[in-house]
Amino acid sequence: MQDVHTRLKLLRRPRILARAARLGAQNYCRQRDLHRILGYGTLPKPAAAVMQLLELESTQDAARKAGEAGYSLIRHVDVLIALAGETAFLRNTAARPKTETAALQDRRSAAAGAVARCP
């Protein structure tokens, strides 16, 4: 079984889908978009969210390649946007030292109202 980072490195999609995901990821809001894609309930941790999004995306890509009538380009791009956003979030949290991450979480919990009102 491959880890999250290996699976992300091996992900290859058409250039137009990748570009749409990169552009959409600039406006990605975890609270709003992840709930819409994965369903309501508690949000998973970033690594678990990436794994769920990879599974959803592989299903969407298989439907695209097979030319299925139920394939939705919009849904596929939404999943790719969420995947790009979660990957960036995962990369940022992994790169920070533990003390800075703890301080950031304290600031986030203090500004919880601001997090809920993503643009």
PDB file of N, CA and C in Angstrom:
ATOM      1  N   MET A   1       0.836  -1.172   0.000  1.00  0.00           N
ATOM      2  CA  MET A   1       0.000   0.000   0.000  1.00  0.00           C
ATOM      3  C   MET A   1       0.885   1.241   0.000  1.00  0.00           C
ATOM      4  N   GLN A   2       0.500   2.239  -0.795  1.00  0.00           N
ATOM      5  CA  GLN A   2       1.292   3.449  -0.917  1.00  0.00           C
ATOM      6  C   GLN A   2       0.818   4.500   0.074  1.00  0.00           C
ATOM      7  N   ASP A   3       1.753   5.341   0.503  1.00  0.00           N
ATOM      8  CA  ASP A   3       1.358   6.419   1.399  1.00  0.00           C
ATOM      9  C   ASP A   3       0.760   7.572   0.598  1.00  0.00           C
ATOM     10  N   VAL A   4       0.270   8.572   1.312  1.00  0.00           N
ATOM     11  CA  VAL A   4      -0.430   9.693   0.691  1.00  0.00           C
ATOM     12  C   VAL A   4       0.465  10.435  -0.284  1.00  0.00           C
ATOM     13  N   HIS A   5       1.678  10.732   0.120  1.00  0.00           N
ATOM     14  CA  HIS A   5       2.579  11.519  -0.720  1.00  0.00           C
ATOM     15  C   HIS A   5       2.952  10.787  -2.002  1.00  0.00           C
ATOM     16  N   THR A   6       3.153   9.485  -1.930  1.00  0.00           N
ATOM     17  CA  THR A   6       3.477   8.706  -3.125  1.00  0.00           C
ATOM     18  C   THR A   6       2.302   8.692  -4.088  1.00  0.00           C
ATOM     19  N   ARG A   7       1.102   8.501  -3.566  1.00  0.00           N
ATOM     20  CA  ARG A   7      -0.083   8.489  -4.428  1.00  0.00           C
ATOM     21  C   ARG A   7      -0.291   9.839  -5.095  1.00  0.00           C
ATOM     22  N   LEU A   8      -0.008  10.907  -4.393  1.00  0.00           N
ATOM     23  CA  LEU A   8      -0.162  12.236  -4.986  1.00  0.00           C
ATOM     24  C   LEU A   8       0.875  12.489  -6.075  1.00  0.00           C
ATOM     25  N   LYS A   9       2.099  12.005  -5.871  1.00  0.00           N
ATOM     26  CA  LYS A   9       3.142  12.187  -6.884  1.00  0.00           C
ATOM     27  C   LYS A   9       2.821  11.416  -8.160  1.00  0.00           C
ATOM     28  N   LEU A  10       2.157  10.271  -8.023  1.00  0.00           N
ATOM     29  CA  LEU A  10       1.850   9.437  -9.179  1.00  0.00           C
ATOM     30  C   LEU A  10       0.578   9.864  -9.910  1.00  0.00           C
ATOM     31  N   LEU A  11      -0.151  10.824  -9.369  1.00  0.00           N
ATOM     32  CA  LEU A  11      -1.409  11.266  -9.961  1.00  0.00           C
ATOM     33  C   LEU A  11      -1.137  12.058 -11.243  1.00  0.00           C
ATOM     34  N   ARG A  12      -1.663  11.595 -12.355  1.00  0.00           N
ATOM     35  CA  ARG A  12      -1.516  12.267 -13.650  1.00  0.00           C
ATOM     36  C   ARG A  12      -2.888  12.436 -14.277  1.00  0.00           C
ATOM     37  N   ARG A  13      -3.236  13.682 -14.571  1.00  0.00           N
ATOM     38  CA  ARG A  13      -4.523  13.996 -15.174  1.00  0.00           C
ATOM     39  C   ARG A  13      -4.313  14.930 -16.342  1.00  0.00           C
ATOM     40  N   PRO A  14      -5.326  15.058 -17.225  1.00  0.00           N
ATOM     41  CA  PRO A  14      -5.192  15.992 -18.351  1.00  0.00           C
ATOM     42  C   PRO A  14      -4.877  17.408 -17.871  1.00  0.00           C
ATOM     43  N   ARG A  15      -4.129  18.112 -18.668  1.00  0.00           N
ATOM     44  CA  ARG A  15      -3.643  19.435 -18.295  1.00  0.00           C
ATOM     45  C   ARG A  15      -4.771  20.397 -17.932  1.00  0.00           C
ATOM     46  N   ILE A  16      -5.877  20.339 -18.650  1.00  0.00           N
ATOM     47  CA  ILE A  16      -6.969  21.273 -18.385  1.00  0.00           C
ATOM     48  C   ILE A  16      -7.621  20.999 -17.022  1.00  0.00           C
ATOM     49  N   LEU A  17      -7.715  19.732 -16.634  1.00  0.00           N
ATOM     50  CA  LEU A  17      -8.260  19.399 -15.318  1.00  0.00           C
ATOM     51  C   LEU A  17      -7.310  19.864 -14.213  1.00  0.00           C
ATOM     52  N   ALA A  18      -6.018  19.656 -14.410  1.00  0.00           N
ATOM     53  CA  ALA A  18      -5.029  20.068 -13.419  1.00  0.00           C
ATOM     54  C   ALA A  18      -5.008  21.588 -13.270  1.00  0.00           C
ATOM     55  N   ARG A  19      -5.128  22.291 -14.372  1.00  0.00           N
ATOM     56  CA  ARG A  19      -5.124  23.762 -14.321  1.00  0.00           C
ATOM     57  C   ARG A  19      -6.369  24.274 -13.612  1.00  0.00           C
ATOM     58  N   ALA A  20      -7.517  23.692 -13.922  1.00  0.00           N
ATOM     59  CA  ALA A  20      -8.758  24.098 -13.254  1.00  0.00           C
ATOM     60  C   ALA A  20      -8.660  23.855 -11.749  1.00  0.00           C
ATOM     61  N   ALA A  21      -8.054  22.745 -11.360  1.00  0.00           N
ATOM     62  CA  ALA A  21      -7.900  22.434  -9.937  1.00  0.00           C
ATOM     63  C   ALA A  21      -6.965  23.430  -9.257  1.00  0.00           C
ATOM     64  N   ARG A  22      -5.867  23.780  -9.911  1.00  0.00           N
ATOM     65  CA  ARG A  22      -4.939  24.753  -9.332  1.00  0.00           C
ATOM     66  C   ARG A  22      -5.603  26.115  -9.150  1.00  0.00           C
ATOM     67  N   LEU A  23      -6.354  26.545 -10.155  1.00  0.00           N
ATOM     68  CA  LEU A  23      -7.019  27.842 -10.061  1.00  0.00           C
ATOM     69  C   LEU A  23      -8.114  27.827  -8.995  1.00  0.00           C
ATOM     70  N   GLY A  24      -8.856  26.752  -8.927  1.00  0.00           N
ATOM     71  CA  GLY A  24      -9.925  26.650  -7.941  1.00  0.00           C
ATOM     72  C   GLY A  24      -9.410  26.505  -6.526  1.00  0.00           C
ATOM     73  N   ALA A  25      -8.249  25.923  -6.367  1.00  0.00           N
ATOM     74  CA  ALA A  25      -7.676  25.708  -5.033  1.00  0.00           C
ATOM     75  C   ALA A  25      -7.323  27.024  -4.356  1.00  0.00           C
ATOM     76  N   GLN A  26      -7.177  28.096  -5.125  1.00  0.00           N
ATOM     77  CA  GLN A  26      -6.885  29.402  -4.540  1.00  0.00           C
ATOM     78  C   GLN A  26      -8.047  29.897  -3.684  1.00  0.00           C
ATOM     79  N   ASN A  27      -9.268  29.470  -4.010  1.00  0.00           N
ATOM     80  CA  ASN A  27     -10.453  29.877  -3.260  1.00  0.00           C
ATOM     81  C   ASN A  27     -11.017  28.746  -2.417  1.00  0.00           C
ATOM     82  N   TYR A  28     -10.229  27.716  -2.186  1.00  0.00           N
ATOM     83  CA  TYR A  28     -10.695  26.553  -1.444  1.00  0.00           C
ATOM     84  C   TYR A  28     -10.908  26.904   0.024  1.00  0.00           C
ATOM     85  N   CYS A  29     -12.056  26.508   0.544  1.00  0.00           N
ATOM     86  CA  CYS A  29     -12.386  26.700   1.952  1.00  0.00           C
ATOM     87  C   CYS A  29     -12.730  25.329   2.521  1.00  0.00           C
ATOM     88  N   ARG A  30     -11.912  24.854   3.418  1.00  0.00           N
ATOM     89  CA  ARG A  30     -12.055  23.496   3.947  1.00  0.00           C
ATOM     90  C   ARG A  30     -13.434  23.253   4.551  1.00  0.00           C
ATOM     91  N   GLN A  31     -13.899  24.170   5.377  1.00  0.00           N
ATOM     92  CA  GLN A  31     -15.187  24.005   6.049  1.00  0.00           C
ATOM     93  C   GLN A  31     -16.319  23.864   5.039  1.00  0.00           C
ATOM     94  N   ARG A  32     -16.369  24.744   4.074  1.00  0.00           N
ATOM     95  CA  ARG A  32     -17.458  24.774   3.104  1.00  0.00           C
ATOM     96  C   ARG A  32     -17.340  23.653   2.068  1.00  0.00           C
ATOM     97  N   ASP A  33     -16.198  23.564   1.428  1.00  0.00           N
ATOM     98  CA  ASP A  33     -16.062  22.681   0.279  1.00  0.00           C
ATOM     99  C   ASP A  33     -15.938  21.209   0.652  1.00  0.00           C
ATOM    100  N   LEU A  34     -15.241  20.919   1.722  1.00  0.00           N
ATOM    101  CA  LEU A  34     -15.061  19.521   2.101  1.00  0.00           C
ATOM    102  C   LEU A  34     -16.374  18.910   2.589  1.00  0.00           C
ATOM    103  N   HIS A  35     -17.166  19.715   3.289  1.00  0.00           N
ATOM    104  CA  HIS A  35     -18.489  19.229   3.708  1.00  0.00           C
ATOM    105  C   HIS A  35     -19.344  18.903   2.478  1.00  0.00           C
ATOM    106  N   ARG A  36     -19.276  19.758   1.482  1.00  0.00           N
ATOM    107  CA  ARG A  36     -20.088  19.564   0.277  1.00  0.00           C
ATOM    108  C   ARG A  36     -19.673  18.305  -0.492  1.00  0.00           C
ATOM    109  N   ILE A  37     -18.397  18.014  -0.514  1.00  0.00           N
ATOM    110  CA  ILE A  37     -17.909  16.889  -1.305  1.00  0.00           C
ATOM    111  C   ILE A  37     -17.994  15.569  -0.549  1.00  0.00           C
ATOM    112  N   LEU A  38     -17.564  15.571   0.718  1.00  0.00           N
ATOM    113  CA  LEU A  38     -17.535  14.317   1.480  1.00  0.00           C
ATOM    114  C   LEU A  38     -18.824  14.039   2.242  1.00  0.00           C
ATOM    115  N   GLY A  39     -19.678  15.017   2.358  1.00  0.00           N
ATOM    116  CA  GLY A  39     -20.896  14.844   3.135  1.00  0.00           C
ATOM    117  C   GLY A  39     -20.732  15.510   4.486  1.00  0.00           C
ATOM    118  N   TYR A  40     -21.832  15.720   5.129  1.00  0.00           N
ATOM    119  CA  TYR A  40     -21.808  16.436   6.404  1.00  0.00           C
ATOM    120  C   TYR A  40     -21.425  15.518   7.545  1.00  0.00           C
ATOM    121  N   GLY A  41     -21.002  16.113   8.609  1.00  0.00           N
ATOM    122  CA  GLY A  41     -20.493  15.398   9.775  1.00  0.00           C
ATOM    123  C   GLY A  41     -19.186  16.037  10.164  1.00  0.00           C
ATOM    124  N   THR A  42     -18.436  15.353  10.992  1.00  0.00           N
ATOM    125  CA  THR A  42     -17.151  15.915  11.400  1.00  0.00           C
ATOM    126  C   THR A  42     -16.155  15.804  10.255  1.00  0.00           C
ATOM    127  N   LEU A  43     -15.347  16.826  10.128  1.00  0.00           N
ATOM    128  CA  LEU A  43     -14.343  16.817   9.071  1.00  0.00           C
ATOM    129  C   LEU A  43     -13.205  15.884   9.457  1.00  0.00           C
ATOM    130  N   PRO A  44     -12.739  15.065   8.496  1.00  0.00           N
ATOM    131  CA  PRO A  44     -11.597  14.198   8.791  1.00  0.00           C
ATOM    132  C   PRO A  44     -10.309  15.008   8.851  1.00  0.00           C
ATOM    133  N   LYS A  45      -9.285  14.417   9.419  1.00  0.00           N
ATOM    134  CA  LYS A  45      -7.967  15.050   9.426  1.00  0.00           C
ATOM    135  C   LYS A  45      -7.482  15.157   7.989  1.00  0.00           C
ATOM    136  N   PRO A  46      -6.545  16.063   7.713  1.00  0.00           N
ATOM    137  CA  PRO A  46      -6.111  16.279   6.332  1.00  0.00           C
ATOM    138  C   PRO A  46      -5.648  15.020   5.602  1.00  0.00           C
ATOM    139  N   ALA A  47      -4.868  14.160   6.242  1.00  0.00           N
ATOM    140  CA  ALA A  47      -4.379  12.951   5.568  1.00  0.00           C
ATOM    141  C   ALA A  47      -5.530  12.011   5.230  1.00  0.00           C
ATOM    142  N   ALA A  48      -6.476  11.860   6.142  1.00  0.00           N
ATOM    143  CA  ALA A  48      -7.636  11.006   5.885  1.00  0.00           C
ATOM    144  C   ALA A  48      -8.511  11.610   4.794  1.00  0.00           C
ATOM    145  N   ALA A  49      -8.636  12.935   4.797  1.00  0.00           N
ATOM    146  CA  ALA A  49      -9.426  13.604   3.762  1.00  0.00           C
ATOM    147  C   ALA A  49      -8.787  13.406   2.388  1.00  0.00           C
ATOM    148  N   VAL A  50      -7.462  13.502   2.329  1.00  0.00           N
ATOM    149  CA  VAL A  50      -6.763  13.300   1.053  1.00  0.00           C
ATOM    150  C   VAL A  50      -6.998  11.879   0.543  1.00  0.00           C
ATOM    151  N   MET A  51      -6.928  10.903   1.431  1.00  0.00           N
ATOM    152  CA  MET A  51      -7.158   9.516   1.006  1.00  0.00           C
ATOM    153  C   MET A  51      -8.584   9.328   0.483  1.00  0.00           C
ATOM    154  N   GLN A  52      -9.579   9.892   1.163  1.00  0.00           N
ATOM    155  CA  GLN A  52     -10.962   9.794   0.703  1.00  0.00           C
ATOM    156  C   GLN A  52     -11.137  10.497  -0.640  1.00  0.00           C
ATOM    157  N   LEU A  53     -10.508  11.656  -0.775  1.00  0.00           N
ATOM    158  CA  LEU A  53     -10.603  12.399  -2.033  1.00  0.00           C
ATOM    159  C   LEU A  53      -9.896  11.665  -3.170  1.00  0.00           C
ATOM    160  N   LEU A  54      -8.791  10.996  -2.874  1.00  0.00           N
ATOM    161  CA  LEU A  54      -8.113  10.204  -3.910  1.00  0.00           C
ATOM    162  C   LEU A  54      -9.007   9.071  -4.405  1.00  0.00           C
ATOM    163  N   GLU A  55      -9.732   8.438  -3.493  1.00  0.00           N
ATOM    164  CA  GLU A  55     -10.651   7.366  -3.893  1.00  0.00           C
ATOM    165  C   GLU A  55     -11.787   7.918  -4.749  1.00  0.00           C
ATOM    166  N   LEU A  56     -12.364   9.043  -4.321  1.00  0.00           N
ATOM    167  CA  LEU A  56     -13.429   9.674  -5.112  1.00  0.00           C
ATOM    168  C   LEU A  56     -12.921  10.082  -6.488  1.00  0.00           C
ATOM    169  N   GLU A  57     -11.722  10.641  -6.515  1.00  0.00           N
ATOM    170  CA  GLU A  57     -11.169  11.113  -7.776  1.00  0.00           C
ATOM    171  C   GLU A  57     -10.871   9.955  -8.718  1.00  0.00           C
ATOM    172  N   SER A  58     -10.394   8.850  -8.195  1.00  0.00           N
ATOM    173  CA  SER A  58     -10.112   7.712  -9.077  1.00  0.00           C
ATOM    174  C   SER A  58     -11.401   7.150  -9.664  1.00  0.00           C
ATOM    175  N   THR A  59     -12.489   7.186  -8.890  1.00  0.00           N
ATOM    176  CA  THR A  59     -13.794   6.771  -9.413  1.00  0.00           C
ATOM    177  C   THR A  59     -14.249   7.717 -10.524  1.00  0.00           C
ATOM    178  N   GLN A  60     -14.070   9.021 -10.284  1.00  0.00           N
ATOM    179  CA  GLN A  60     -14.445  10.011 -11.297  1.00  0.00           C
ATOM    180  C   GLN A  60     -13.607   9.845 -12.565  1.00  0.00           C
ATOM    181  N   ASP A  61     -12.309   9.594 -12.405  1.00  0.00           N
ATOM    182  CA  ASP A  61     -11.441   9.447 -13.568  1.00  0.00           C
ATOM    183  C   ASP A  61     -11.777   8.191 -14.364  1.00  0.00           C
ATOM    184  N   ALA A  62     -12.122   7.120 -13.666  1.00  0.00           N
ATOM    185  CA  ALA A  62     -12.525   5.899 -14.369  1.00  0.00           C
ATOM    186  C   ALA A  62     -13.798   6.142 -15.171  1.00  0.00           C
ATOM    187  N   ALA A  63     -14.731   6.892 -14.599  1.00  0.00           N
ATOM    188  CA  ALA A  63     -15.972   7.212 -15.321  1.00  0.00           C
ATOM    189  C   ALA A  63     -15.669   8.094 -16.531  1.00  0.00           C
ATOM    190  N   ARG A  64     -14.728   9.024 -16.384  1.00  0.00           N
ATOM    191  CA  ARG A  64     -14.341   9.895 -17.501  1.00  0.00           C
ATOM    192  C   ARG A  64     -13.741   9.079 -18.639  1.00  0.00           C
ATOM    193  N   LYS A  65     -12.820   8.179 -18.288  1.00  0.00           N
ATOM    194  CA  LYS A  65     -12.163   7.364 -19.308  1.00  0.00           C
ATOM    195  C   LYS A  65     -13.114   6.405 -19.997  1.00  0.00           C
ATOM    196  N   ALA A  66     -14.102   5.898 -19.245  1.00  0.00           N
ATOM    197  CA  ALA A  66     -15.063   4.951 -19.816  1.00  0.00           C
ATOM    198  C   ALA A  66     -16.154   5.653 -20.612  1.00  0.00           C
ATOM    199  N   GLY A  67     -16.244   6.979 -20.491  1.00  0.00           N
ATOM    200  CA  GLY A  67     -17.272   7.723 -21.211  1.00  0.00           C
ATOM    201  C   GLY A  67     -18.669   7.473 -20.665  1.00  0.00           C
ATOM    202  N   GLU A  68     -18.764   7.229 -19.363  1.00  0.00           N
ATOM    203  CA  GLU A  68     -20.058   6.944 -18.752  1.00  0.00           C
ATOM    204  C   GLU A  68     -20.977   8.156 -18.831  1.00  0.00           C
ATOM    205  N   ALA A  69     -22.260   7.887 -18.987  1.00  0.00           N
ATOM    206  CA  ALA A  69     -23.244   8.950 -19.100  1.00  0.00           C
ATOM    207  C   ALA A  69     -23.395   9.721 -17.794  1.00  0.00           C
ATOM    208  N   GLY A  70     -23.141   9.082 -16.675  1.00  0.00           N
ATOM    209  CA  GLY A  70     -23.286   9.731 -15.381  1.00  0.00           C
ATOM    210  C   GLY A  70     -22.083  10.552 -14.948  1.00  0.00           C
ATOM    211  N   TYR A  71     -21.057  10.618 -15.780  1.00  0.00           N
ATOM    212  CA  TYR A  71     -19.858  11.365 -15.436  1.00  0.00           C
ATOM    213  C   TYR A  71     -20.162  12.855 -15.417  1.00  0.00           C
ATOM    214  N   SER A  72     -19.708  13.522 -14.358  1.00  0.00           N
ATOM    215  CA  SER A  72     -19.899  14.967 -14.236  1.00  0.00           C
ATOM    216  C   SER A  72     -18.529  15.640 -14.177  1.00  0.00           C
ATOM    217  N   LEU A  73     -18.240  16.442 -15.181  1.00  0.00           N
ATOM    218  CA  LEU A  73     -16.982  17.177 -15.225  1.00  0.00           C
ATOM    219  C   LEU A  73     -16.896  18.144 -14.051  1.00  0.00           C
ATOM    220  N   ILE A  74     -18.003  18.767 -13.710  1.00  0.00           N
ATOM    221  CA  ILE A  74     -18.021  19.721 -12.604  1.00  0.00           C
ATOM    222  C   ILE A  74     -17.683  19.019 -11.290  1.00  0.00           C
ATOM    223  N   ARG A  75     -18.279  17.862 -11.074  1.00  0.00           N
ATOM    224  CA  ARG A  75     -17.992  17.098  -9.849  1.00  0.00           C
ATOM    225  C   ARG A  75     -16.518  16.687  -9.811  1.00  0.00           C
ATOM    226  N   HIS A  76     -15.984  16.263 -10.962  1.00  0.00           N
ATOM    227  CA  HIS A  76     -14.587  15.849 -11.037  1.00  0.00           C
ATOM    228  C   HIS A  76     -13.668  17.022 -10.689  1.00  0.00           C
ATOM    229  N   VAL A  77     -13.944  18.191 -11.238  1.00  0.00           N
ATOM    230  CA  VAL A  77     -13.122  19.366 -10.946  1.00  0.00           C
ATOM    231  C   VAL A  77     -13.264  19.755  -9.481  1.00  0.00           C
ATOM    232  N   ASP A  78     -14.471  19.664  -8.923  1.00  0.00           N
ATOM    233  CA  ASP A  78     -14.665  19.951  -7.497  1.00  0.00           C
ATOM    234  C   ASP A  78     -13.802  19.040  -6.622  1.00  0.00           C
ATOM    235  N   VAL A  79     -13.767  17.767  -6.958  1.00  0.00           N
ATOM    236  CA  VAL A  79     -12.963  16.815  -6.181  1.00  0.00           C
ATOM    237  C   VAL A  79     -11.480  17.134  -6.341  1.00  0.00           C
ATOM    238  N   LEU A  80     -11.054  17.483  -7.548  1.00  0.00           N
ATOM    239  CA  LEU A  80      -9.648  17.843  -7.766  1.00  0.00           C
ATOM    240  C   LEU A  80      -9.272  19.124  -7.023  1.00  0.00           C
ATOM    241  N   ILE A  81     -10.184  20.089  -6.971  1.00  0.00           N
ATOM    242  CA  ILE A  81      -9.931  21.323  -6.226  1.00  0.00           C
ATOM    243  C   ILE A  81      -9.752  21.001  -4.749  1.00  0.00           C
ATOM    244  N   ALA A  82     -10.654  20.196  -4.212  1.00  0.00           N
ATOM    245  CA  ALA A  82     -10.550  19.815  -2.800  1.00  0.00           C
ATOM    246  C   ALA A  82      -9.261  19.043  -2.549  1.00  0.00           C
ATOM    247  N   LEU A  83      -8.900  18.183  -3.471  1.00  0.00           N
ATOM    248  CA  LEU A  83      -7.658  17.414  -3.331  1.00  0.00           C
ATOM    249  C   LEU A  83      -6.444  18.339  -3.318  1.00  0.00           C
ATOM    250  N   ALA A  84      -6.429  19.321  -4.211  1.00  0.00           N
ATOM    251  CA  ALA A  84      -5.313  20.276  -4.243  1.00  0.00           C
ATOM    252  C   ALA A  84      -5.279  21.112  -2.968  1.00  0.00           C
ATOM    253  N   GLY A  85      -6.434  21.543  -2.498  1.00  0.00           N
ATOM    254  CA  GLY A  85      -6.491  22.340  -1.276  1.00  0.00           C
ATOM    255  C   GLY A  85      -6.066  21.556  -0.054  1.00  0.00           C
ATOM    256  N   GLU A  86      -6.542  20.333   0.064  1.00  0.00           N
ATOM    257  CA  GLU A  86      -6.166  19.497   1.209  1.00  0.00           C
ATOM    258  C   GLU A  86      -4.691  19.122   1.167  1.00  0.00           C
ATOM    259  N   THR A  87      -4.170  18.903  -0.021  1.00  0.00           N
ATOM    260  CA  THR A  87      -2.756  18.583  -0.166  1.00  0.00           C
ATOM    261  C   THR A  87      -1.900  19.764   0.284  1.00  0.00           C
ATOM    262  N   ALA A  88      -2.289  20.971  -0.108  1.00  0.00           N
ATOM    263  CA  ALA A  88      -1.558  22.158   0.328  1.00  0.00           C
ATOM    264  C   ALA A  88      -1.651  22.316   1.845  1.00  0.00           C
ATOM    265  N   PHE A  89      -2.833  22.067   2.397  1.00  0.00           N
ATOM    266  CA  PHE A  89      -3.017  22.155   3.850  1.00  0.00           C
ATOM    267  C   PHE A  89      -2.154  21.117   4.554  1.00  0.00           C
ATOM    268  N   LEU A  90      -2.117  19.904   4.013  1.00  0.00           N
ATOM    269  CA  LEU A  90      -1.315  18.827   4.591  1.00  0.00           C
ATOM    270  C   LEU A  90       0.171  19.171   4.521  1.00  0.00           C
ATOM    271  N   ARG A  91       0.608  19.708   3.392  1.00  0.00           N
ATOM    272  CA  ARG A  91       2.004  20.092   3.222  1.00  0.00           C
ATOM    273  C   ARG A  91       2.392  21.201   4.200  1.00  0.00           C
ATOM    274  N   ASN A  92       1.512  22.182   4.376  1.00  0.00           N
ATOM    275  CA  ASN A  92       1.805  23.298   5.275  1.00  0.00           C
ATOM    276  C   ASN A  92       1.867  22.859   6.728  1.00  0.00           C
ATOM    277  N   THR A  93       0.964  21.976   7.140  1.00  0.00           N
ATOM    278  CA  THR A  93       0.983  21.537   8.533  1.00  0.00           C
ATOM    279  C   THR A  93       2.163  20.604   8.804  1.00  0.00           C
ATOM    280  N   ALA A  94       2.586  19.841   7.823  1.00  0.00           N
ATOM    281  CA  ALA A  94       3.723  18.936   8.010  1.00  0.00           C
ATOM    282  C   ALA A  94       5.040  19.704   8.041  1.00  0.00           C
ATOM    283  N   ALA A  95       5.103  20.850   7.378  1.00  0.00           N
ATOM    284  CA  ALA A  95       6.344  21.612   7.290  1.00  0.00           C
ATOM    285  C   ALA A  95       6.604  22.451   8.532  1.00  0.00           C
ATOM    286  N   ARG A  96       5.573  22.736   9.315  1.00  0.00           N
ATOM    287  CA  ARG A  96       5.724  23.583  10.494  1.00  0.00           C
ATOM    288  C   ARG A  96       6.274  22.797  11.674  1.00  0.00           C
ATOM    289  N   PRO A  97       7.082  23.456  12.487  1.00  0.00           N
ATOM    290  CA  PRO A  97       7.488  22.820  13.745  1.00  0.00           C
ATOM    291  C   PRO A  97       6.274  22.660  14.653  1.00  0.00           C
ATOM    292  N   LYS A  98       6.349  21.730  15.568  1.00  0.00           N
ATOM    293  CA  LYS A  98       5.212  21.437  16.444  1.00  0.00           C
ATOM    294  C   LYS A  98       4.770  22.649  17.244  1.00  0.00           C
ATOM    295  N   THR A  99       5.704  23.445  17.741  1.00  0.00           N
ATOM    296  CA  THR A  99       5.313  24.584  18.565  1.00  0.00           C
ATOM    297  C   THR A  99       4.553  25.614  17.751  1.00  0.00           C
ATOM    298  N   GLU A 100       4.961  25.848  16.521  1.00  0.00           N
ATOM    299  CA  GLU A 100       4.262  26.809  15.670  1.00  0.00           C
ATOM    300  C   GLU A 100       2.882  26.290  15.302  1.00  0.00           C
ATOM    301  N   THR A 101       2.774  24.983  15.059  1.00  0.00           N
ATOM    302  CA  THR A 101       1.483  24.393  14.738  1.00  0.00           C
ATOM    303  C   THR A 101       0.528  24.545  15.917  1.00  0.00           C
ATOM    304  N   ALA A 102       1.013  24.316  17.121  1.00  0.00           N
ATOM    305  CA  ALA A 102       0.169  24.471  18.306  1.00  0.00           C
ATOM    306  C   ALA A 102      -0.277  25.919  18.462  1.00  0.00           C
ATOM    307  N   ALA A 103       0.626  26.859  18.221  1.00  0.00           N
ATOM    308  CA  ALA A 103       0.262  28.275  18.314  1.00  0.00           C
ATOM    309  C   ALA A 103      -0.760  28.646  17.254  1.00  0.00           C
ATOM    310  N   LEU A 104      -0.598  28.096  16.066  1.00  0.00           N
ATOM    311  CA  LEU A 104      -1.548  28.364  14.995  1.00  0.00           C
ATOM    312  C   LEU A 104      -2.922  27.804  15.330  1.00  0.00           C
ATOM    313  N   GLN A 105      -2.962  26.624  15.914  1.00  0.00           N
ATOM    314  CA  GLN A 105      -4.246  26.039  16.309  1.00  0.00           C
ATOM    315  C   GLN A 105      -4.918  26.881  17.377  1.00  0.00           C
ATOM    316  N   ASP A 106      -4.152  27.442  18.281  1.00  0.00           N
ATOM    317  CA  ASP A 106      -4.722  28.324  19.297  1.00  0.00           C
ATOM    318  C   ASP A 106      -5.329  29.562  18.654  1.00  0.00           C
ATOM    319  N   ARG A 107      -4.614  30.138  17.680  1.00  0.00           N
ATOM    320  CA  ARG A 107      -5.148  31.314  16.983  1.00  0.00           C
ATOM    321  C   ARG A 107      -6.400  30.950  16.197  1.00  0.00           C
ATOM    322  N   ARG A 108      -6.406  29.777  15.595  1.00  0.00           N
ATOM    323  CA  ARG A 108      -7.574  29.352  14.823  1.00  0.00           C
ATOM    324  C   ARG A 108      -8.786  29.151  15.717  1.00  0.00           C
ATOM    325  N   SER A 109      -8.577  28.529  16.865  1.00  0.00           N
ATOM    326  CA  SER A 109      -9.710  28.310  17.757  1.00  0.00           C
ATOM    327  C   SER A 109     -10.228  29.632  18.300  1.00  0.00           C
ATOM    328  N   ALA A 110      -9.351  30.623  18.480  1.00  0.00           N
ATOM    329  CA  ALA A 110      -9.787  31.932  18.938  1.00  0.00           C
ATOM    330  C   ALA A 110     -10.565  32.661  17.856  1.00  0.00           C
ATOM    331  N   ALA A 111     -10.219  32.401  16.611  1.00  0.00           N
ATOM    332  CA  ALA A 111     -10.898  33.049  15.494  1.00  0.00           C
ATOM    333  C   ALA A 111     -11.802  32.068  14.767  1.00  0.00           C
ATOM    334  N   ALA A 112     -12.479  31.217  15.485  1.00  0.00           N
ATOM    335  CA  ALA A 112     -13.314  30.175  14.872  1.00  0.00           C
ATOM    336  C   ALA A 112     -14.405  30.773  14.006  1.00  0.00           C
ATOM    337  N   GLY A 113     -14.907  31.922  14.381  1.00  0.00           N
ATOM    338  CA  GLY A 113     -15.939  32.570  13.564  1.00  0.00           C
ATOM    339  C   GLY A 113     -15.412  32.940  12.202  1.00  0.00           C
ATOM    340  N   ALA A 114     -14.168  33.388  12.145  1.00  0.00           N
ATOM    341  CA  ALA A 114     -13.581  33.774  10.866  1.00  0.00           C
ATOM    342  C   ALA A 114     -13.364  32.571   9.969  1.00  0.00           C
ATOM    343  N   VAL A 115     -13.029  31.431  10.555  1.00  0.00           N
ATOM    344  CA  VAL A 115     -12.801  30.215   9.764  1.00  0.00           C
ATOM    345  C   VAL A 115     -14.109  29.740   9.156  1.00  0.00           C
ATOM    346  N   ALA A 116     -15.197  29.846   9.900  1.00  0.00           N
ATOM    347  CA  ALA A 116     -16.481  29.389   9.407  1.00  0.00           C
ATOM    348  C   ALA A 116     -16.989  30.242   8.262  1.00  0.00           C
ATOM    349  N   ARG A 117     -16.534  31.503   8.182  1.00  0.00           N
ATOM    350  CA  ARG A 117     -17.008  32.405   7.127  1.00  0.00           C
ATOM    351  C   ARG A 117     -15.966  32.519   6.024  1.00  0.00           C
ATOM    352  N   CYS A 118     -15.652  31.446   5.377  1.00  0.00           N
ATOM    353  CA  CYS A 118     -14.700  31.471   4.278  1.00  0.00           C
ATOM    354  C   CYS A 118     -15.314  32.221   3.102  1.00  0.00           C
ATOM    355  N   PRO A 119     -14.486  32.872   2.309  1.00  0.00           N
ATOM    356  CA  PRO A 119     -15.011  33.597   1.150  1.00  0.00           C
ATOM    357  C   PRO A 119     -15.601  32.680   0.124  1.00  0.00           C
TER     358      PRO A 119
END
